[in-house]
């Protein structure tokens, strides 16, 4: 499991497929974000679950980016 969530290629594939599906008329996660930004009026429990389900790949990608930047920052700090 740990190697799966740390695999850049797999996380990017998850973002481009599950994170954006369905693609038309707009990516599903984008529609949910706009709905929440508008106050989330009328959202039910299934809508919130759907938001988490489609948002999880993006959270994993953000996690990998933060870990990569943090690792580079720590290495540069130790060298200096």
Protein backbone atom coordinates (compact mmCIF):
# COMPACT_ATOMS: atom_id res chain seq x y z
CA UNK A 1 0.00 0.00 0.00
CA UNK A 2 2.77 2.45 0.91
CA UNK A 3 4.46 1.97 -2.45
CA UNK A 4 1.12 2.60 -4.21
CA UNK A 5 0.45 5.98 -2.62
CA UNK A 6 4.08 7.04 -3.20
CA UNK A 7 4.09 6.07 -6.88
CA UNK A 8 4.01 9.30 -8.91
CA UNK A 9 2.80 7.66 -12.12
CA UNK A 10 -0.05 5.83 -10.43
CA UNK A 11 -1.20 8.91 -8.50
CA UNK A 12 -1.14 11.04 -11.67
CA UNK A 13 -3.16 8.39 -13.53
CA UNK A 14 -5.66 8.39 -10.66
CA UNK A 15 -5.91 12.19 -10.89
CA UNK A 16 -6.46 12.17 -14.64
CA UNK A 17 -9.05 9.38 -14.54
CA UNK A 18 -10.90 9.12 -11.23
CA UNK A 19 -10.09 12.68 -10.20
CA UNK A 20 -11.63 14.21 -13.32
CA UNK A 21 -14.25 11.64 -14.38
CA UNK A 22 -16.83 12.14 -15.79
CA UNK A 23 -15.20 14.62 -18.13
CA UNK A 24 -18.23 16.19 -19.84
CA UNK A 25 -19.80 18.71 -19.55
CA UNK A 26 -17.14 19.59 -16.95
CA UNK A 27 -14.89 17.53 -14.68
CA UNK A 28 -16.99 16.19 -11.81
CA UNK A 29 -14.68 17.41 -9.05
CA UNK A 30 -14.75 20.92 -10.52
CA UNK A 31 -18.54 20.94 -10.39
CA UNK A 32 -18.47 19.80 -6.73
CA UNK A 33 -15.91 22.49 -5.83
CA UNK A 34 -18.08 25.17 -7.44
CA UNK A 35 -21.11 23.81 -5.61
CA UNK A 36 -19.31 23.93 -2.25
CA UNK A 37 -17.89 27.40 -3.01
CA UNK A 38 -21.46 28.53 -3.66
CA UNK A 39 -22.47 27.45 -0.18
CA UNK A 40 -23.18 23.77 -0.79
CA UNK A 41 -26.94 24.39 -0.69
CA UNK A 42 -28.80 21.17 -1.32
CA UNK A 43 -25.78 18.88 -0.96
CA UNK A 44 -26.64 15.54 0.56
CA UNK A 45 -24.41 12.93 2.19
CA UNK A 46 -23.87 11.13 -1.13
CA UNK A 47 -22.67 14.39 -2.71
CA UNK A 48 -20.10 14.87 0.07
CA UNK A 49 -18.93 11.26 -0.31
CA UNK A 50 -18.64 11.83 -4.06
CA UNK A 51 -16.56 14.95 -3.44
CA UNK A 52 -14.18 13.03 -1.15
CA UNK A 53 -14.03 10.08 -3.59
CA UNK A 54 -13.10 12.25 -6.59
CA UNK A 55 -10.86 14.54 -4.49
CA UNK A 56 -8.72 11.82 -2.90
CA UNK A 57 -6.36 11.45 -5.90
CA UNK A 58 -5.70 15.20 -5.78
CA UNK A 59 -4.97 15.04 -2.06
CA UNK A 60 -2.48 12.21 -2.71
CA UNK A 61 -0.81 14.27 -5.46
CA UNK A 62 -0.58 17.31 -3.19
CA UNK A 63 0.91 15.07 -0.48
CA UNK A 64 3.60 13.81 -2.87
CA UNK A 65 4.46 17.36 -3.97
CA UNK A 66 4.76 18.55 -0.36
CA UNK A 67 6.95 15.56 0.55
CA UNK A 68 9.19 16.15 -2.48
CA UNK A 69 9.59 19.88 -1.78
CA UNK A 70 10.13 19.26 1.92
CA UNK A 71 12.78 16.62 1.20
CA UNK A 72 14.65 18.92 -1.19
CA UNK A 73 14.47 21.80 1.30
CA UNK A 74 15.80 19.65 4.15
CA UNK A 75 18.65 18.27 2.02
CA UNK A 76 19.68 21.78 0.88
CA UNK A 77 19.50 23.05 4.45
CA UNK A 78 21.74 20.24 5.73
CA UNK A 79 24.33 20.77 2.97
CA UNK A 80 24.61 24.50 3.63
